[in-house]
Amino acid sequence: MEIRLLRYFVTVADEGTVSAAAERLHMTQPALSRQVKQLEKAIGVRLFQRSGARLRLTNAGEEFLGEARDLLRRFDQAERLAAHLSAGHLTSVSFGAPSTTLVDIVAPFIAGFAPDDPEPSVTSIDIDPDLPDLMSRIDIAITTQPPSPGFPTLTLARLPVWAYVRGDRPHAEAESIEVGALVEENLVLPTPDFAARRLLDHTVRGLGRHYGAVVETFNGEIAQALAAAGRGVAVVTDDSRFGLRPRRITDGGRCLEVALHAVWAHDHHAPAALEALARRLQDFCRQRYGPTLDGGGAAVAPPGAGSCAGEGGLRRSVL
């Protein structure tokens, strides 16, 4: 059974006569009659019976007509989609990001989509996903992993990792805090599910040092609340709360920061469209949360921070 035969059948049913349908289809009447008989032979039922000068659908024909219309509609949709895809357009787009990033960045971003934007969907992913496997299932991944060879990427933001201290505690007046000095303090840290914690862990291990007293929390604001209550120095990517003072964390003068990247597959059917969408997401991060990249790609920081600082910064612990 071929699509063209279904189209001939529906046209004859709509016109009521083979002659009118043949004229509409730009065919001869005998040729169209043969095509209808070929369809009836293919499906094994009679579709029309003559009623005077017109053709009337049989009961089987009535039932089959609805299915034929639906098949033609879906076939036409598939053809339009194929043409759209071959031209490099997106009809839908899937985002993958850690759950907190989905809530704090991706969800507000897609809330501003226009009707002509692709249909969005989201998937929660690990903080360090297997990119080759992941990119076979989604269109854009948002990750803290360094760009991988073969994957186009765009840096959305560079987020400083802050040490938040009370004004009456050591380091409150310091420009920044070296990691070696930081680990000597009581610390309030995010869980290892956060990239900021993983970066700090990696840096501490590289120095051959170990933490002292540590309190773990799953939320950046709670970490700062505990620091404000005197439980230790909070290490998060959030902006300052509760009157705490943000201080840059340094390792040999290098400031600790976490980069947030948008990644997509190089062999995607619409790479230009994905890059344009990633740039919109980058602009969204700047507009909604304040600039996190200067013209040279360096991180900028909230007022009151130490060295490596400027103004602005993400307002939520997205990492």
C-alpha atoms as a PDB file:
ATOM      1  CA  MET A   1       0.000   0.000   0.000  1.00  0.00           C
ATOM      2  CA  GLU A   2       1.519   3.275  -1.134  1.00  0.00           C
ATOM      3  CA  ILE A   3       0.901   6.800   0.110  1.00  0.00           C
ATOM      4  CA  ARG A   4      -0.062   7.966  -3.377  1.00  0.00           C
ATOM      5  CA  LEU A   5      -2.854   5.372  -3.491  1.00  0.00           C
ATOM      6  CA  LEU A   6      -4.218   6.646  -0.188  1.00  0.00           C
ATOM      7  CA  ARG A   7      -4.127  10.187  -1.555  1.00  0.00           C
ATOM      8  CA  TYR A   8      -6.059   9.097  -4.656  1.00  0.00           C
ATOM      9  CA  PHE A   9      -8.638   7.305  -2.499  1.00  0.00           C
ATOM     10  CA  VAL A  10      -9.204  10.321  -0.221  1.00  0.00           C
ATOM     11  CA  THR A  11      -9.523  12.644  -3.218  1.00  0.00           C
ATOM     12  CA  VAL A  12     -12.147  10.428  -4.873  1.00  0.00           C
ATOM     13  CA  ALA A  13     -14.050  10.223  -1.570  1.00  0.00           C
ATOM     14  CA  ASP A  14     -13.960  14.009  -1.227  1.00  0.00           C
ATOM     15  CA  GLU A  15     -15.006  14.747  -4.832  1.00  0.00           C
ATOM     16  CA  GLY A  16     -17.642  12.012  -5.122  1.00  0.00           C
ATOM     17  CA  THR A  17     -16.762  11.135  -8.732  1.00  0.00           C
ATOM     18  CA  VAL A  18     -13.686   9.741 -10.455  1.00  0.00           C
ATOM     19  CA  SER A  19     -13.856  12.423 -13.155  1.00  0.00           C
ATOM     20  CA  ALA A  20     -13.811  15.304 -10.655  1.00  0.00           C
ATOM     21  CA  ALA A  21     -11.025  13.654  -8.639  1.00  0.00           C
ATOM     22  CA  ALA A  22      -8.998  12.998 -11.826  1.00  0.00           C
ATOM     23  CA  GLU A  23      -9.283  16.657 -12.810  1.00  0.00           C
ATOM     24  CA  ARG A  24      -8.130  17.756  -9.343  1.00  0.00           C
ATOM     25  CA  LEU A  25      -5.207  15.314  -9.428  1.00  0.00           C
ATOM     26  CA  HIS A  26      -4.306  16.174 -13.052  1.00  0.00           C
ATOM     27  CA  MET A  27      -4.776  12.533 -14.125  1.00  0.00           C
ATOM     28  CA  THR A  28      -6.893  10.747 -16.685  1.00  0.00           C
ATOM     29  CA  GLN A  29     -10.081   9.129 -15.421  1.00  0.00           C
ATOM     30  CA  PRO A  30      -9.106   5.573 -16.514  1.00  0.00           C
ATOM     31  CA  ALA A  31      -5.691   5.889 -14.805  1.00  0.00           C
ATOM     32  CA  LEU A  32      -7.297   7.010 -11.547  1.00  0.00           C
ATOM     33  CA  SER A  33      -9.879   4.195 -11.682  1.00  0.00           C
ATOM     34  CA  ARG A  34      -7.060   1.680 -12.039  1.00  0.00           C
ATOM     35  CA  GLN A  35      -5.237   3.159  -9.016  1.00  0.00           C
ATOM     36  CA  VAL A  36      -8.360   2.915  -6.830  1.00  0.00           C
ATOM     37  CA  LYS A  37      -8.876  -0.706  -7.871  1.00  0.00           C
ATOM     38  CA  GLN A  38      -5.203  -1.376  -7.077  1.00  0.00           C
ATOM     39  CA  LEU A  39      -5.724  -0.028  -3.555  1.00  0.00           C
ATOM     40  CA  GLU A  40      -8.864  -2.143  -3.081  1.00  0.00           C
ATOM     41  CA  LYS A  41      -6.921  -5.204  -4.173  1.00  0.00           C
ATOM     42  CA  ALA A  42      -4.025  -4.334  -1.813  1.00  0.00           C
ATOM     43  CA  ILE A  43      -6.231  -4.073   1.279  1.00  0.00           C
ATOM     44  CA  GLY A  44      -8.718  -6.778   0.219  1.00  0.00           C
ATOM     45  CA  VAL A  45     -11.945  -4.781   0.599  1.00  0.00           C
ATOM     46  CA  ARG A  46     -14.250  -2.829  -1.692  1.00  0.00           C
ATOM     47  CA  LEU A  47     -14.138   0.895  -0.888  1.00  0.00           C
ATOM     48  CA  PHE A  48     -16.766   2.393  -3.240  1.00  0.00           C
ATOM     49  CA  GLN A  49     -20.085   1.459  -4.749  1.00  0.00           C
ATOM     50  CA  ARG A  50     -21.833   3.373  -7.477  1.00  0.00           C
ATOM     51  CA  SER A  51     -24.954   5.384  -6.681  1.00  0.00           C
ATOM     52  CA  GLY A  52     -26.202   6.916  -9.902  1.00  0.00           C
ATOM     53  CA  ALA A  53     -23.510   9.167 -11.352  1.00  0.00           C
ATOM     54  CA  ARG A  54     -21.622   9.340  -8.078  1.00  0.00           C
ATOM     55  CA  LEU A  55     -19.572   6.993  -5.952  1.00  0.00           C
ATOM     56  CA  ARG A  56     -20.582   6.215  -2.408  1.00  0.00           C
ATOM     57  CA  LEU A  57     -18.267   4.801   0.240  1.00  0.00           C
ATOM     58  CA  THR A  58     -18.998   1.309   1.470  1.00  0.00           C
ATOM     59  CA  ASN A  59     -19.065   0.674   5.213  1.00  0.00           C
ATOM     60  CA  ALA A  60     -15.468  -0.529   4.972  1.00  0.00           C
ATOM     61  CA  GLY A  61     -14.601   2.543   2.928  1.00  0.00           C
ATOM     62  CA  GLU A  62     -16.124   4.861   5.554  1.00  0.00           C
ATOM     63  CA  GLU A  63     -14.078   3.203   8.269  1.00  0.00           C
ATOM     64  CA  PHE A  64     -10.907   3.186   6.206  1.00  0.00           C
ATOM     65  CA  LEU A  65     -11.256   6.845   5.183  1.00  0.00           C
ATOM     66  CA  GLY A  66     -10.547   8.182   8.670  1.00  0.00           C
ATOM     67  CA  GLU A  67      -7.400   6.090   8.969  1.00  0.00           C
ATOM     68  CA  ALA A  68      -6.263   7.121   5.486  1.00  0.00           C
ATOM     69  CA  ARG A  69      -6.717  10.805   6.326  1.00  0.00           C
ATOM     70  CA  ASP A  70      -4.712  10.364   9.519  1.00  0.00           C
ATOM     71  CA  LEU A  71      -1.908   8.559   7.693  1.00  0.00           C
ATOM     72  CA  LEU A  72      -1.739  11.289   5.057  1.00  0.00           C
ATOM     73  CA  ARG A  73      -1.689  13.994   7.714  1.00  0.00           C
ATOM     74  CA  ARG A  74       1.188  12.320   9.540  1.00  0.00           C
ATOM     75  CA  PHE A  75       3.038  11.681   6.289  1.00  0.00           C
ATOM     76  CA  ASP A  76       2.728  15.334   5.330  1.00  0.00           C
ATOM     77  CA  GLN A  77       3.976  16.331   8.782  1.00  0.00           C
ATOM     78  CA  ALA A  78       6.946  13.994   8.368  1.00  0.00           C
ATOM     79  CA  GLU A  79       7.764  15.505   4.988  1.00  0.00           C
ATOM     80  CA  ARG A  80       7.620  19.038   6.393  1.00  0.00           C
ATOM     81  CA  LEU A  81       9.780  18.006   9.354  1.00  0.00           C
ATOM     82  CA  ALA A  82      12.310  16.347   7.053  1.00  0.00           C
ATOM     83  CA  ALA A  83      12.565  19.515   4.975  1.00  0.00           C
ATOM     84  CA  HIS A  84      12.881  21.579   8.150  1.00  0.00           C
ATOM     85  CA  LEU A  85      15.638  19.349   9.534  1.00  0.00           C
ATOM     86  CA  SER A  86      17.554  19.188   6.275  1.00  0.00           C
ATOM     87  CA  ALA A  87      17.621  22.992   6.291  1.00  0.00           C
ATOM     88  CA  GLY A  88      19.279  22.929   9.737  1.00  0.00           C
ATOM     89  CA  HIS A  89      16.257  24.088  11.730  1.00  0.00           C
ATOM     90  CA  LEU A  90      15.162  22.961  15.200  1.00  0.00           C
ATOM     91  CA  THR A  91      11.571  21.980  15.904  1.00  0.00           C
ATOM     92  CA  SER A  92      12.424  20.742  19.405  1.00  0.00           C
ATOM     93  CA  VAL A  93      15.418  21.043  21.717  1.00  0.00           C
ATOM     94  CA  SER A  94      16.394  18.986  24.761  1.00  0.00           C
ATOM     95  CA  PHE A  95      18.558  20.378  27.570  1.00  0.00           C
ATOM     96  CA  GLY A  96      20.525  18.278  30.026  1.00  0.00           C
ATOM     97  CA  ALA A  97      21.926  19.778  33.233  1.00  0.00           C
ATOM     98  CA  PRO A  98      22.397  18.953  36.926  1.00  0.00           C
ATOM     99  CA  SER A  99      19.100  19.364  38.774  1.00  0.00           C
ATOM    100  CA  THR A 100      20.004  22.646  40.501  1.00  0.00           C
ATOM    101  CA  THR A 101      21.154  24.169  37.214  1.00  0.00           C
ATOM    102  CA  LEU A 102      17.912  23.060  35.583  1.00  0.00           C
ATOM    103  CA  VAL A 103      15.903  24.872  38.233  1.00  0.00           C
ATOM    104  CA  ASP A 104      17.997  28.025  38.532  1.00  0.00           C
ATOM    105  CA  ILE A 105      19.079  28.599  34.932  1.00  0.00           C
ATOM    106  CA  VAL A 106      17.389  26.373  32.352  1.00  0.00           C
ATOM    107  CA  ALA A 107      13.806  26.668  33.639  1.00  0.00           C
ATOM    108  CA  PRO A 108      13.827  30.509  33.785  1.00  0.00           C
ATOM    109  CA  PHE A 109      15.483  30.554  30.348  1.00  0.00           C
ATOM    110  CA  ILE A 110      12.865  28.416  28.605  1.00  0.00           C
ATOM    111  CA  ALA A 111      10.076  30.307  30.410  1.00  0.00           C
ATOM    112  CA  GLY A 112      10.939  33.180  28.054  1.00  0.00           C
ATOM    113  CA  PHE A 113      10.675  31.114  24.858  1.00  0.00           C
ATOM    114  CA  ALA A 114       8.540  32.596  22.073  1.00  0.00           C
ATOM    115  CA  PRO A 115       5.911  30.578  20.169  1.00  0.00           C
ATOM    116  CA  ASP A 116       8.274  30.153  17.213  1.00  0.00           C
ATOM    117  CA  ASP A 117      11.092  28.788  19.381  1.00  0.00           C
ATOM    118  CA  PRO A 118      11.704  25.014  19.349  1.00  0.00           C
ATOM    119  CA  GLU A 119       9.696  22.900  21.763  1.00  0.00           C
ATOM    120  CA  PRO A 120      11.921  22.487  24.852  1.00  0.00           C
ATOM    121  CA  SER A 121      12.401  19.500  27.129  1.00  0.00           C
ATOM    122  CA  VAL A 122      14.796  18.939  30.025  1.00  0.00           C
ATOM    123  CA  THR A 123      16.704  16.024  31.530  1.00  0.00           C
ATOM    124  CA  SER A 124      18.553  15.930  34.843  1.00  0.00           C
ATOM    125  CA  ILE A 125      22.131  14.683  34.402  1.00  0.00           C
ATOM    126  CA  ASP A 126      25.143  13.907  36.582  1.00  0.00           C
ATOM    127  CA  ILE A 127      27.601  16.688  37.312  1.00  0.00           C
ATOM    128  CA  ASP A 128      30.278  14.747  35.369  1.00  0.00           C
ATOM    129  CA  PRO A 129      28.348  12.918  32.631  1.00  0.00           C
ATOM    130  CA  ASP A 130      29.665  10.610  29.926  1.00  0.00           C
ATOM    131  CA  LEU A 131      29.404  13.183  27.120  1.00  0.00           C
ATOM    132  CA  PRO A 132      29.538  10.839  24.091  1.00  0.00           C
ATOM    133  CA  ASP A 133      26.665   8.799  25.511  1.00  0.00           C
ATOM    134  CA  LEU A 134      24.768  11.847  26.748  1.00  0.00           C
ATOM    135  CA  MET A 135      24.974  13.773  23.472  1.00  0.00           C
ATOM    136  CA  SER A 136      23.385  10.862  21.631  1.00  0.00           C
ATOM    137  CA  ARG A 137      20.240  11.518  23.674  1.00  0.00           C
ATOM    138  CA  ILE A 138      20.019  15.296  24.157  1.00  0.00           C
ATOM    139  CA  ASP A 139      20.772  18.432  22.141  1.00  0.00           C
ATOM    140  CA  ILE A 140      22.528  20.741  24.629  1.00  0.00           C
ATOM    141  CA  ALA A 141      24.311  19.725  27.830  1.00  0.00           C
ATOM    142  CA  ILE A 142      25.196  22.250  30.521  1.00  0.00           C
ATOM    143  CA  THR A 143      28.191  21.000  32.423  1.00  0.00           C
ATOM    144  CA  THR A 144      31.224  22.076  34.421  1.00  0.00           C
ATOM    145  CA  GLN A 145      33.466  19.628  32.584  1.00  0.00           C
ATOM    146  CA  PRO A 146      36.267  21.198  30.524  1.00  0.00           C
ATOM    147  CA  PRO A 147      35.444  21.216  26.807  1.00  0.00           C
ATOM    148  CA  SER A 148      36.024  17.806  25.259  1.00  0.00           C
ATOM    149  CA  PRO A 149      37.660  17.335  21.835  1.00  0.00           C
ATOM    150  CA  GLY A 150      35.057  16.960  19.119  1.00  0.00           C
ATOM    151  CA  PHE A 151      32.313  18.772  21.015  1.00  0.00           C
ATOM    152  CA  PRO A 152      31.522  22.398  20.189  1.00  0.00           C
ATOM    153  CA  THR A 153      31.138  24.384  23.399  1.00  0.00           C
ATOM    154  CA  LEU A 154      30.391  27.856  24.692  1.00  0.00           C
ATOM    155  CA  THR A 155      31.305  29.102  28.153  1.00  0.00           C
ATOM    156  CA  LEU A 156      28.170  30.501  29.770  1.00  0.00           C
ATOM    157  CA  ALA A 157      29.740  31.842  32.964  1.00  0.00           C
ATOM    158  CA  ARG A 158      32.807  31.571  35.182  1.00  0.00           C
ATOM    159  CA  LEU A 159      31.719  31.383  38.776  1.00  0.00           C
ATOM    160  CA  PRO A 160      34.096  32.332  41.607  1.00  0.00           C
ATOM    161  CA  VAL A 161      34.199  29.996  44.578  1.00  0.00           C
ATOM    162  CA  TRP A 162      33.761  32.211  47.655  1.00  0.00           C
ATOM    163  CA  ALA A 163      34.789  31.847  51.262  1.00  0.00           C
ATOM    164  CA  TYR A 164      32.136  33.648  53.309  1.00  0.00           C
ATOM    165  CA  VAL A 165      33.204  34.883  56.750  1.00  0.00           C
ATOM    166  CA  ARG A 166      31.602  36.895  59.521  1.00  0.00           C
ATOM    167  CA  GLY A 167      32.999  40.366  60.070  1.00  0.00           C
ATOM    168  CA  ASP A 168      34.292  39.451  63.530  1.00  0.00           C
ATOM    169  CA  ARG A 169      36.201  36.357  62.391  1.00  0.00           C
ATOM    170  CA  PRO A 170      39.758  35.820  61.082  1.00  0.00           C
ATOM    171  CA  HIS A 171      40.220  36.647  57.377  1.00  0.00           C
ATOM    172  CA  ALA A 172      37.329  39.145  57.463  1.00  0.00           C
ATOM    173  CA  GLU A 173      39.687  41.955  56.450  1.00  0.00           C
ATOM    174  CA  ALA A 174      41.859  39.874  54.119  1.00  0.00           C
ATOM    175  CA  GLU A 175      41.865  40.461  50.372  1.00  0.00           C
ATOM    176  CA  SER A 176      41.661  36.704  49.761  1.00  0.00           C
ATOM    177  CA  ILE A 177      42.242  33.403  51.534  1.00  0.00           C
ATOM    178  CA  GLU A 178      44.800  30.836  50.431  1.00  0.00           C
ATOM    179  CA  VAL A 179      43.549  27.248  50.442  1.00  0.00           C
ATOM    180  CA  GLY A 180      46.280  26.256  52.882  1.00  0.00           C
ATOM    181  CA  ALA A 181      44.968  28.763  55.410  1.00  0.00           C
ATOM    182  CA  LEU A 182      41.332  27.973  54.655  1.00  0.00           C
ATOM    183  CA  VAL A 183      41.590  24.288  55.592  1.00  0.00           C
ATOM    184  CA  GLU A 184      42.766  25.286  59.061  1.00  0.00           C
ATOM    185  CA  GLU A 185      39.333  26.835  59.710  1.00  0.00           C
ATOM    186  CA  ASN A 186      36.072  25.127  60.575  1.00  0.00           C
ATOM    187  CA  LEU A 187      34.302  24.841  57.217  1.00  0.00           C
ATOM    188  CA  VAL A 188      30.713  24.643  56.005  1.00  0.00           C
ATOM    189  CA  LEU A 189      30.864  22.922  52.615  1.00  0.00           C
ATOM    190  CA  PRO A 190      28.375  21.839  49.969  1.00  0.00           C
ATOM    191  CA  THR A 191      28.159  18.115  49.337  1.00  0.00           C
ATOM    192  CA  PRO A 192      30.367  16.519  46.659  1.00  0.00           C
ATOM    193  CA  ASP A 193      27.397  16.775  44.284  1.00  0.00           C
ATOM    194  CA  PHE A 194      28.457  20.411  43.748  1.00  0.00           C
ATOM    195  CA  ALA A 195      31.294  21.347  41.384  1.00  0.00           C
ATOM    196  CA  ALA A 196      32.571  23.990  43.816  1.00  0.00           C
ATOM    197  CA  ARG A 197      33.130  21.292  46.443  1.00  0.00           C
ATOM    198  CA  ARG A 198      34.853  19.003  43.952  1.00  0.00           C
ATOM    199  CA  LEU A 199      37.172  21.814  42.871  1.00  0.00           C
ATOM    200  CA  LEU A 200      38.069  22.595  46.465  1.00  0.00           C
ATOM    201  CA  ASP A 201      38.618  18.901  47.256  1.00  0.00           C
ATOM    202  CA  HIS A 202      40.910  18.554  44.237  1.00  0.00           C
ATOM    203  CA  THR A 203      42.915  21.632  45.238  1.00  0.00           C
ATOM    204  CA  VAL A 204      43.290  20.485  48.851  1.00  0.00           C
ATOM    205  CA  ARG A 205      44.452  17.036  47.743  1.00  0.00           C
ATOM    206  CA  GLY A 206      46.944  18.618  45.357  1.00  0.00           C
ATOM    207  CA  LEU A 207      48.486  20.484  48.260  1.00  0.00           C
ATOM    208  CA  GLY A 208      48.712  17.303  50.296  1.00  0.00           C
ATOM    209  CA  ARG A 209      46.455  18.882  52.936  1.00  0.00           C
ATOM    210  CA  HIS A 210      43.362  17.692  54.770  1.00  0.00           C
ATOM    211  CA  TYR A 211      40.236  19.375  56.095  1.00  0.00           C
ATOM    212  CA  GLY A 212      39.755  19.969  59.781  1.00  0.00           C
ATOM    213  CA  ALA A 213      36.171  20.201  61.087  1.00  0.00           C
ATOM    214  CA  VAL A 214      33.610  20.131  58.249  1.00  0.00           C
ATOM    215  CA  VAL A 215      29.832  20.536  58.192  1.00  0.00           C
ATOM    216  CA  GLU A 216      28.171  19.479  54.905  1.00  0.00           C
ATOM    217  CA  THR A 217      24.967  20.926  53.495  1.00  0.00           C
ATOM    218  CA  PHE A 218      23.036  20.479  50.247  1.00  0.00           C
ATOM    219  CA  ASN A 219      22.113  24.169  49.928  1.00  0.00           C
ATOM    220  CA  GLY A 220      24.260  27.298  49.495  1.00  0.00           C
ATOM    221  CA  GLU A 221      21.995  29.569  51.490  1.00  0.00           C
ATOM    222  CA  ILE A 222      21.916  27.116  54.376  1.00  0.00           C
ATOM    223  CA  ALA A 223      25.717  27.008  54.251  1.00  0.00           C
ATOM    224  CA  GLN A 224      25.843  30.783  54.672  1.00  0.00           C
ATOM    225  CA  ALA A 225      23.249  30.675  57.427  1.00  0.00           C
ATOM    226  CA  LEU A 226      25.440  28.222  59.321  1.00  0.00           C
ATOM    227  CA  ALA A 227      28.464  30.466  58.755  1.00  0.00           C
ATOM    228  CA  ALA A 228      26.494  33.458  60.062  1.00  0.00           C
ATOM    229  CA  ALA A 229      25.657  31.369  63.134  1.00  0.00           C
ATOM    230  CA  GLY A 230      29.380  30.907  63.780  1.00  0.00           C
ATOM    231  CA  ARG A 231      29.684  27.295  62.619  1.00  0.00           C
ATOM    232  CA  GLY A 232      32.579  28.032  60.264  1.00  0.00           C
ATOM    233  CA  VAL A 233      33.558  29.539  56.915  1.00  0.00           C
ATOM    234  CA  ALA A 234      31.053  28.780  54.143  1.00  0.00           C
ATOM    235  CA  VAL A 235      32.452  27.820  50.736  1.00  0.00           C
ATOM    236  CA  VAL A 236      29.859  28.324  47.968  1.00  0.00           C
ATOM    237  CA  THR A 237      29.277  30.127  44.667  1.00  0.00           C
ATOM    238  CA  ASP A 238      26.313  32.206  45.924  1.00  0.00           C
ATOM    239  CA  ASP A 239      26.218  35.950  46.422  1.00  0.00           C
ATOM    240  CA  SER A 240      26.635  37.137  50.002  1.00  0.00           C
ATOM    241  CA  ARG A 241      23.791  36.802  52.493  1.00  0.00           C
ATOM    242  CA  PHE A 242      23.321  37.432  56.205  1.00  0.00           C
ATOM    243  CA  GLY A 243      25.981  40.166  56.250  1.00  0.00           C
ATOM    244  CA  LEU A 244      28.810  37.769  55.470  1.00  0.00           C
ATOM    245  CA  ARG A 245      31.897  38.984  53.648  1.00  0.00           C
ATOM    246  CA  PRO A 246      32.905  37.227  50.407  1.00  0.00           C
ATOM    247  CA  ARG A 247      36.583  36.473  50.030  1.00  0.00           C
ATOM    248  CA  ARG A 248      38.210  34.912  46.993  1.00  0.00           C
ATOM    249  CA  ILE A 249      39.864  31.553  47.549  1.00  0.00           C
ATOM    250  CA  THR A 250      43.309  31.328  45.990  1.00  0.00           C
ATOM    251  CA  ASP A 251      45.846  28.601  45.321  1.00  0.00           C
ATOM    252  CA  GLY A 252      49.276  30.125  44.862  1.00  0.00           C
ATOM    253  CA  GLY A 253      47.658  33.356  43.731  1.00  0.00           C
ATOM    254  CA  ARG A 254      45.298  31.605  41.288  1.00  0.00           C
ATOM    255  CA  CYS A 255      41.668  32.233  42.098  1.00  0.00           C
ATOM    256  CA  LEU A 256      39.377  29.214  42.314  1.00  0.00           C
ATOM    257  CA  GLU A 257      36.471  29.413  39.902  1.00  0.00           C
ATOM    258  CA  VAL A 258      34.144  26.993  38.168  1.00  0.00           C
ATOM    259  CA  ALA A 259      33.210  27.384  34.510  1.00  0.00           C
ATOM    260  CA  LEU A 260      29.746  26.528  33.236  1.00  0.00           C
ATOM    261  CA  HIS A 261      29.701  25.299  29.623  1.00  0.00           C
ATOM    262  CA  ALA A 262      27.046  24.598  27.019  1.00  0.00           C
ATOM    263  CA  VAL A 263      28.020  21.587  24.880  1.00  0.00           C
ATOM    264  CA  TRP A 264      26.476  20.042  21.763  1.00  0.00           C
ATOM    265  CA  ALA A 265      27.438  17.414  19.189  1.00  0.00           C
ATOM    266  CA  HIS A 266      29.478  18.445  16.155  1.00  0.00           C
ATOM    267  CA  ASP A 267      27.454  16.160  13.880  1.00  0.00           C
ATOM    268  CA  HIS A 268      24.055  17.451  15.027  1.00  0.00           C
ATOM    269  CA  HIS A 269      21.720  18.257  12.149  1.00  0.00           C
ATOM    270  CA  ALA A 270      21.373  21.884  13.329  1.00  0.00           C
ATOM    271  CA  PRO A 271      24.688  22.972  14.889  1.00  0.00           C
ATOM    272  CA  ALA A 272      24.246  26.626  13.944  1.00  0.00           C
ATOM    273  CA  ALA A 273      20.822  26.728  15.585  1.00  0.00           C
ATOM    274  CA  LEU A 274      22.207  25.124  18.749  1.00  0.00           C
ATOM    275  CA  GLU A 275      25.076  27.606  18.900  1.00  0.00           C
ATOM    276  CA  ALA A 276      22.627  30.480  18.524  1.00  0.00           C
ATOM    277  CA  LEU A 277      20.537  29.033  21.354  1.00  0.00           C
ATOM    278  CA  ALA A 278      23.642  28.614  23.539  1.00  0.00           C
ATOM    279  CA  ARG A 279      24.554  32.261  22.934  1.00  0.00           C
ATOM    280  CA  ARG A 280      21.064  33.275  23.970  1.00  0.00           C
ATOM    281  CA  LEU A 281      21.550  31.251  27.144  1.00  0.00           C
ATOM    282  CA  GLN A 282      24.881  32.998  27.753  1.00  0.00           C
ATOM    283  CA  ASP A 283      23.199  36.387  27.355  1.00  0.00           C
ATOM    284  CA  PHE A 284      20.398  35.239  29.644  1.00  0.00           C
ATOM    285  CA  CYS A 285      22.906  34.392  32.383  1.00  0.00           C
ATOM    286  CA  ARG A 286      24.435  37.852  32.071  1.00  0.00           C
ATOM    287  CA  GLN A 287      21.114  39.680  32.039  1.00  0.00           C
ATOM    288  CA  ARG A 288      19.380  37.742  34.799  1.00  0.00           C
ATOM    289  CA  TYR A 289      22.201  37.152  37.230  1.00  0.00           C
ATOM    290  CA  GLY A 290      24.683  39.881  36.408  1.00  0.00           C
ATOM    291  CA  PRO A 291      27.879  39.635  34.351  1.00  0.00           C
ATOM    292  CA  THR A 292      30.177  36.769  35.212  1.00  0.00           C
ATOM    293  CA  LEU A 293      32.555  37.147  32.260  1.00  0.00           C
ATOM    294  CA  ASP A 294      34.456  40.290  31.329  1.00  0.00           C
ATOM    295  CA  GLY A 295      35.639  41.024  27.796  1.00  0.00           C
ATOM    296  CA  GLY A 296      38.642  38.749  28.241  1.00  0.00           C
ATOM    297  CA  GLY A 297      36.665  35.846  29.677  1.00  0.00           C
ATOM    298  CA  ALA A 298      37.767  36.409  33.277  1.00  0.00           C
ATOM    299  CA  ALA A 299      35.419  36.044  36.207  1.00  0.00           C
ATOM    300  CA  VAL A 300      33.994  39.086  37.948  1.00  0.00           C
ATOM    301  CA  ALA A 301      32.848  39.214  41.541  1.00  0.00           C
ATOM    302  CA  PRO A 302      30.333  40.849  43.867  1.00  0.00           C
ATOM    303  CA  PRO A 303      31.069  44.096  45.758  1.00  0.00           C
ATOM    304  CA  GLY A 304      33.182  43.624  48.856  1.00  0.00           C
ATOM    305  CA  ALA A 305      35.118  40.669  47.498  1.00  0.00           C
ATOM    306  CA  GLY A 306      38.869  40.408  47.574  1.00  0.00           C
ATOM    307  CA  SER A 307      41.399  40.237  44.736  1.00  0.00           C
ATOM    308  CA  CYS A 308      40.388  38.865  41.290  1.00  0.00           C
ATOM    309  CA  ALA A 309      37.146  40.774  41.822  1.00  0.00           C
ATOM    310  CA  GLY A 310      34.861  43.179  40.023  1.00  0.00           C
ATOM    311  CA  GLU A 311      31.122  43.506  40.402  1.00  0.00           C
ATOM    312  CA  GLY A 312      28.158  41.237  39.722  1.00  0.00           C
ATOM    313  CA  GLY A 313      27.933  37.470  40.048  1.00  0.00           C
ATOM    314  CA  LEU A 314      25.405  34.685  39.963  1.00  0.00           C
ATOM    315  CA  ARG A 315      22.813  34.942  42.705  1.00  0.00           C
ATOM    316  CA  ARG A 316      22.173  31.248  43.148  1.00  0.00           C
ATOM    317  CA  SER A 317      24.314  28.240  43.878  1.00  0.00           C
ATOM    318  CA  VAL A 318      24.008  26.647  40.460  1.00  0.00           C
ATOM    319  CA  LEU A 319      27.100  24.543  41.004  1.00  0.00           C
END
